């Protein structure tokens, strides 16, 4: 089970951020705060895993 993700140098995340993930996780915040960036990073990670291109 996914318990946390670390996002760094990706879109709205200039530095490294550890984001805890629970069975029910709500993503909310002000406009341009990085909500979509979290979802895009998960999509990119899944794509990298499926294609075997893990150097992202």
PDB file of N, CA and C in Angstrom:
ATOM      1  N   UNK A   1       0.836  -1.171   0.000  1.00  0.00           N
ATOM      2  CA  UNK A   1       0.000   0.000   0.000  1.00  0.00           C
ATOM      3  C   UNK A   1       0.887   1.242   0.000  1.00  0.00           C
ATOM      4  N   UNK A   2       0.480   2.210  -0.754  1.00  0.00           N
ATOM      5  CA  UNK A   2       1.186   3.488  -0.823  1.00  0.00           C
ATOM      6  C   UNK A   2       0.950   4.252   0.477  1.00  0.00           C
ATOM      7  N   UNK A   3       2.030   4.640   1.169  1.00  0.00           N
ATOM      8  CA  UNK A   3       1.888   5.361   2.440  1.00  0.00           C
ATOM      9  C   UNK A   3       2.333   6.809   2.342  1.00  0.00           C
ATOM     10  N   UNK A   4       3.167   7.129   1.353  1.00  0.00           N
ATOM     11  CA  UNK A   4       3.634   8.507   1.168  1.00  0.00           C
ATOM     12  C   UNK A   4       4.256   8.628  -0.211  1.00  0.00           C
ATOM     13  N   UNK A   5       4.293   9.855  -0.707  1.00  0.00           N
ATOM     14  CA  UNK A   5       5.021  10.130  -1.941  1.00  0.00           C
ATOM     15  C   UNK A   5       5.939  11.312  -1.690  1.00  0.00           C
ATOM     16  N   UNK A   6       7.084  11.281  -2.318  1.00  0.00           N
ATOM     17  CA  UNK A   6       8.022  12.394  -2.229  1.00  0.00           C
ATOM     18  C   UNK A   6       8.101  13.024  -3.615  1.00  0.00           C
ATOM     19  N   UNK A   7       7.793  14.308  -3.670  1.00  0.00           N
ATOM     20  CA  UNK A   7       7.788  15.047  -4.926  1.00  0.00           C
ATOM     21  C   UNK A   7       8.822  16.151  -4.816  1.00  0.00           C
ATOM     22  N   UNK A   8       9.686  16.249  -5.813  1.00  0.00           N
ATOM     23  CA  UNK A   8      10.694  17.303  -5.801  1.00  0.00           C
ATOM     24  C   UNK A   8      11.037  17.764  -7.200  1.00  0.00           C
ATOM     25  N   UNK A   9      11.249  19.057  -7.330  1.00  0.00           N
ATOM     26  CA  UNK A   9      11.607  19.656  -8.616  1.00  0.00           C
ATOM     27  C   UNK A   9      10.621  19.259  -9.711  1.00  0.00           C
ATOM     28  N   UNK A  10       9.355  19.329  -9.386  1.00  0.00           N
ATOM     29  CA  UNK A  10       8.304  18.959 -10.332  1.00  0.00           C
ATOM     30  C   UNK A  10       7.195  19.992 -10.246  1.00  0.00           C
ATOM     31  N   UNK A  11       7.004  20.725 -11.316  1.00  0.00           N
ATOM     32  CA  UNK A  11       5.962  21.746 -11.428  1.00  0.00           C
ATOM     33  C   UNK A  11       5.951  22.682 -10.229  1.00  0.00           C
ATOM     34  N   UNK A  12       4.936  22.607  -9.370  1.00  0.00           N
ATOM     35  CA  UNK A  12       4.785  23.549  -8.252  1.00  0.00           C
ATOM     36  C   UNK A  12       5.728  23.249  -7.088  1.00  0.00           C
ATOM     37  N   UNK A  13       6.456  22.139  -7.134  1.00  0.00           N
ATOM     38  CA  UNK A  13       7.323  21.732  -6.029  1.00  0.00           C
ATOM     39  C   UNK A  13       8.779  21.997  -6.380  1.00  0.00           C
ATOM     40  N   UNK A  14       9.300  23.131  -5.918  1.00  0.00           N
ATOM     41  CA  UNK A  14      10.699  23.476  -6.198  1.00  0.00           C
ATOM     42  C   UNK A  14      11.634  22.595  -5.384  1.00  0.00           C
ATOM     43  N   UNK A  15      11.332  22.399  -4.123  1.00  0.00           N
ATOM     44  CA  UNK A  15      12.131  21.535  -3.262  1.00  0.00           C
ATOM     45  C   UNK A  15      11.446  20.192  -3.114  1.00  0.00           C
ATOM     46  N   UNK A  16      12.002  19.358  -2.278  1.00  0.00           N
ATOM     47  CA  UNK A  16      11.444  18.034  -2.044  1.00  0.00           C
ATOM     48  C   UNK A  16      10.379  18.102  -0.947  1.00  0.00           C
ATOM     49  N   UNK A  17       9.234  17.497  -1.199  1.00  0.00           N
ATOM     50  CA  UNK A  17       8.125  17.471  -0.242  1.00  0.00           C
ATOM     51  C   UNK A  17       7.682  16.030  -0.034  1.00  0.00           C
ATOM     52  N   UNK A  18       7.518  15.639   1.219  1.00  0.00           N
ATOM     53  CA  UNK A  18       6.967  14.327   1.538  1.00  0.00           C
ATOM     54  C   UNK A  18       5.480  14.505   1.821  1.00  0.00           C
ATOM     55  N   UNK A  19       4.657  13.792   1.076  1.00  0.00           N
ATOM     56  CA  UNK A  19       3.207  13.915   1.201  1.00  0.00           C
ATOM     57  C   UNK A  19       2.666  12.584   1.713  1.00  0.00           C
ATOM     58  N   UNK A  20       2.170  12.552   2.962  1.00  0.00           N
ATOM     59  CA  UNK A  20       1.620  11.303   3.492  1.00  0.00           C
ATOM     60  C   UNK A  20       0.320  10.936   2.781  1.00  0.00           C
ATOM     61  N   UNK A  21       0.099   9.644   2.616  1.00  0.00           N
ATOM     62  CA  UNK A  21      -1.108   9.143   1.963  1.00  0.00           C
ATOM     63  C   UNK A  21      -1.763   8.143   2.912  1.00  0.00           C
ATOM     64  N   UNK A  22      -3.019   8.333   3.173  1.00  0.00           N
ATOM     65  CA  UNK A  22      -3.798   7.448   4.037  1.00  0.00           C
ATOM     66  C   UNK A  22      -4.861   6.753   3.177  1.00  0.00           C
ATOM     67  N   UNK A  23      -5.605   5.803   3.753  1.00  0.00           N
ATOM     68  CA  UNK A  23      -6.659   5.157   2.956  1.00  0.00           C
ATOM     69  C   UNK A  23      -7.649   6.152   2.347  1.00  0.00           C
ATOM     70  N   UNK A  24      -7.907   7.257   3.044  1.00  0.00           N
ATOM     71  CA  UNK A  24      -8.737   8.322   2.500  1.00  0.00           C
ATOM     72  C   UNK A  24      -7.926   9.606   2.587  1.00  0.00           C
ATOM     73  N   UNK A  25      -7.555  10.154   1.448  1.00  0.00           N
ATOM     74  CA  UNK A  25      -6.732  11.363   1.406  1.00  0.00           C
ATOM     75  C   UNK A  25      -7.449  12.428   0.594  1.00  0.00           C
ATOM     76  N   UNK A  26      -7.604  13.594   1.188  1.00  0.00           N
ATOM     77  CA  UNK A  26      -8.199  14.734   0.500  1.00  0.00           C
ATOM     78  C   UNK A  26      -7.090  15.678   0.081  1.00  0.00           C
ATOM     79  N   UNK A  27      -7.164  16.158  -1.133  1.00  0.00           N
ATOM     80  CA  UNK A  27      -6.185  17.125  -1.634  1.00  0.00           C
ATOM     81  C   UNK A  27      -6.931  18.429  -1.864  1.00  0.00           C
ATOM     82  N   UNK A  28      -6.611  19.432  -1.053  1.00  0.00           N
ATOM     83  CA  UNK A  28      -7.287  20.718  -1.181  1.00  0.00           C
ATOM     84  C   UNK A  28      -6.295  21.834  -0.900  1.00  0.00           C
ATOM     85  N   UNK A  29      -6.603  23.012  -1.372  1.00  0.00           N
ATOM     86  CA  UNK A  29      -5.748  24.164  -1.141  1.00  0.00           C
ATOM     87  C   UNK A  29      -6.106  25.291  -2.084  1.00  0.00           C
ATOM     88  N   UNK A  30      -5.373  26.362  -1.934  1.00  0.00           N
ATOM     89  CA  UNK A  30      -5.603  27.547  -2.762  1.00  0.00           C
ATOM     90  C   UNK A  30      -5.232  27.264  -4.218  1.00  0.00           C
ATOM     91  N   UNK A  31      -5.690  28.126  -5.108  1.00  0.00           N
ATOM     92  CA  UNK A  31      -5.306  28.025  -6.518  1.00  0.00           C
ATOM     93  C   UNK A  31      -3.789  28.100  -6.638  1.00  0.00           C
ATOM     94  N   UNK A  32      -3.239  27.332  -7.555  1.00  0.00           N
ATOM     95  CA  UNK A  32      -1.792  27.298  -7.834  1.00  0.00           C
ATOM     96  C   UNK A  32      -0.964  26.830  -6.649  1.00  0.00           C
ATOM     97  N   UNK A  33      -1.533  25.979  -5.792  1.00  0.00           N
ATOM     98  CA  UNK A  33      -0.780  25.489  -4.634  1.00  0.00           C
ATOM     99  C   UNK A  33      -0.149  24.123  -4.869  1.00  0.00           C
ATOM    100  N   UNK A  34      -0.449  23.471  -6.004  1.00  0.00           N
ATOM    101  CA  UNK A  34       0.196  22.208  -6.332  1.00  0.00           C
ATOM    102  C   UNK A  34      -0.703  20.985  -6.290  1.00  0.00           C
ATOM    103  N   UNK A  35      -2.002  21.166  -6.162  1.00  0.00           N
ATOM    104  CA  UNK A  35      -2.917  20.016  -6.105  1.00  0.00           C
ATOM    105  C   UNK A  35      -2.810  19.159  -7.365  1.00  0.00           C
ATOM    106  N   UNK A  36      -2.883  19.773  -8.512  1.00  0.00           N
ATOM    107  CA  UNK A  36      -2.782  19.027  -9.776  1.00  0.00           C
ATOM    108  C   UNK A  36      -1.391  18.441  -9.957  1.00  0.00           C
ATOM    109  N   UNK A  37      -0.380  19.113  -9.455  1.00  0.00           N
ATOM    110  CA  UNK A  37       0.992  18.607  -9.565  1.00  0.00           C
ATOM    111  C   UNK A  37       1.150  17.285  -8.826  1.00  0.00           C
ATOM    112  N   UNK A  38       0.473  17.134  -7.694  1.00  0.00           N
ATOM    113  CA  UNK A  38       0.515  15.867  -6.959  1.00  0.00           C
ATOM    114  C   UNK A  38      -0.060  14.754  -7.824  1.00  0.00           C
ATOM    115  N   UNK A  39      -1.218  14.998  -8.413  1.00  0.00           N
ATOM    116  CA  UNK A  39      -1.848  13.981  -9.255  1.00  0.00           C
ATOM    117  C   UNK A  39      -1.016  13.689 -10.501  1.00  0.00           C
ATOM    118  N   UNK A  40      -0.469  14.719 -11.128  1.00  0.00           N
ATOM    119  CA  UNK A  40       0.369  14.517 -12.317  1.00  0.00           C
ATOM    120  C   UNK A  40       1.627  13.726 -11.977  1.00  0.00           C
ATOM    121  N   UNK A  41       2.201  13.950 -10.802  1.00  0.00           N
ATOM    122  CA  UNK A  41       3.396  13.194 -10.419  1.00  0.00           C
ATOM    123  C   UNK A  41       3.064  11.716 -10.237  1.00  0.00           C
ATOM    124  N   UNK A  42       1.896  11.409  -9.697  1.00  0.00           N
ATOM    125  CA  UNK A  42       1.480  10.012  -9.554  1.00  0.00           C
ATOM    126  C   UNK A  42       1.244   9.362 -10.914  1.00  0.00           C
ATOM    127  N   UNK A  43       0.640  10.097 -11.834  1.00  0.00           N
ATOM    128  CA  UNK A  43       0.418   9.582 -13.190  1.00  0.00           C
ATOM    129  C   UNK A  43       1.752   9.319 -13.882  1.00  0.00           C
ATOM    130  N   UNK A  44       2.698  10.244 -13.742  1.00  0.00           N
ATOM    131  CA  UNK A  44       4.020  10.073 -14.343  1.00  0.00           C
ATOM    132  C   UNK A  44       4.743   8.871 -13.745  1.00  0.00           C
ATOM    133  N   UNK A  45       4.656   8.699 -12.427  1.00  0.00           N
ATOM    134  CA  UNK A  45       5.309   7.562 -11.772  1.00  0.00           C
ATOM    135  C   UNK A  45       4.710   6.241 -12.247  1.00  0.00           C
ATOM    136  N   UNK A  46       3.396   6.197 -12.382  1.00  0.00           N
ATOM    137  CA  UNK A  46       2.745   4.972 -12.864  1.00  0.00           C
ATOM    138  C   UNK A  46       3.167   4.666 -14.298  1.00  0.00           C
ATOM    139  N   UNK A  47       3.192   5.689 -15.139  1.00  0.00           N
ATOM    140  CA  UNK A  47       3.610   5.495 -16.530  1.00  0.00           C
ATOM    141  C   UNK A  47       5.059   5.001 -16.596  1.00  0.00           C
ATOM    142  N   UNK A  48       5.924   5.583 -15.791  1.00  0.00           N
ATOM    143  CA  UNK A  48       7.332   5.174 -15.781  1.00  0.00           C
ATOM    144  C   UNK A  48       7.469   3.724 -15.345  1.00  0.00           C
ATOM    145  N   UNK A  49       6.685   3.316 -14.357  1.00  0.00           N
ATOM    146  CA  UNK A  49       6.742   1.938 -13.887  1.00  0.00           C
ATOM    147  C   UNK A  49       6.224   0.974 -14.954  1.00  0.00           C
ATOM    148  N   UNK A  50       5.142   1.333 -15.609  1.00  0.00           N
ATOM    149  CA  UNK A  50       4.555   0.453 -16.622  1.00  0.00           C
ATOM    150  C   UNK A  50       5.441   0.305 -17.849  1.00  0.00           C
ATOM    151  N   UNK A  51       6.141   1.363 -18.244  1.00  0.00           N
ATOM    152  CA  UNK A  51       6.971   1.310 -19.447  1.00  0.00           C
ATOM    153  C   UNK A  51       8.402   0.874 -19.153  1.00  0.00           C
ATOM    154  N   UNK A  52       8.763   0.837 -17.880  1.00  0.00           N
ATOM    155  CA  UNK A  52      10.122   0.462 -17.515  1.00  0.00           C
ATOM    156  C   UNK A  52      11.105   1.608 -17.595  1.00  0.00           C
ATOM    157  N   UNK A  53      10.633   2.794 -17.931  1.00  0.00           N
ATOM    158  CA  UNK A  53      11.493   3.976 -18.015  1.00  0.00           C
ATOM    159  C   UNK A  53      11.484   4.669 -16.659  1.00  0.00           C
ATOM    160  N   UNK A  54      12.267   4.145 -15.720  1.00  0.00           N
ATOM    161  CA  UNK A  54      12.238   4.641 -14.347  1.00  0.00           C
ATOM    162  C   UNK A  54      13.160   5.822 -14.114  1.00  0.00           C
ATOM    163  N   UNK A  55      13.827   6.307 -15.153  1.00  0.00           N
ATOM    164  CA  UNK A  55      14.726   7.457 -15.012  1.00  0.00           C
ATOM    165  C   UNK A  55      13.965   8.726 -15.378  1.00  0.00           C
ATOM    166  N   UNK A  56      13.065   9.156 -14.498  1.00  0.00           N
ATOM    167  CA  UNK A  56      12.275  10.366 -14.748  1.00  0.00           C
ATOM    168  C   UNK A  56      12.655  11.468 -13.798  1.00  0.00           C
TER     169      UNK A  56
END
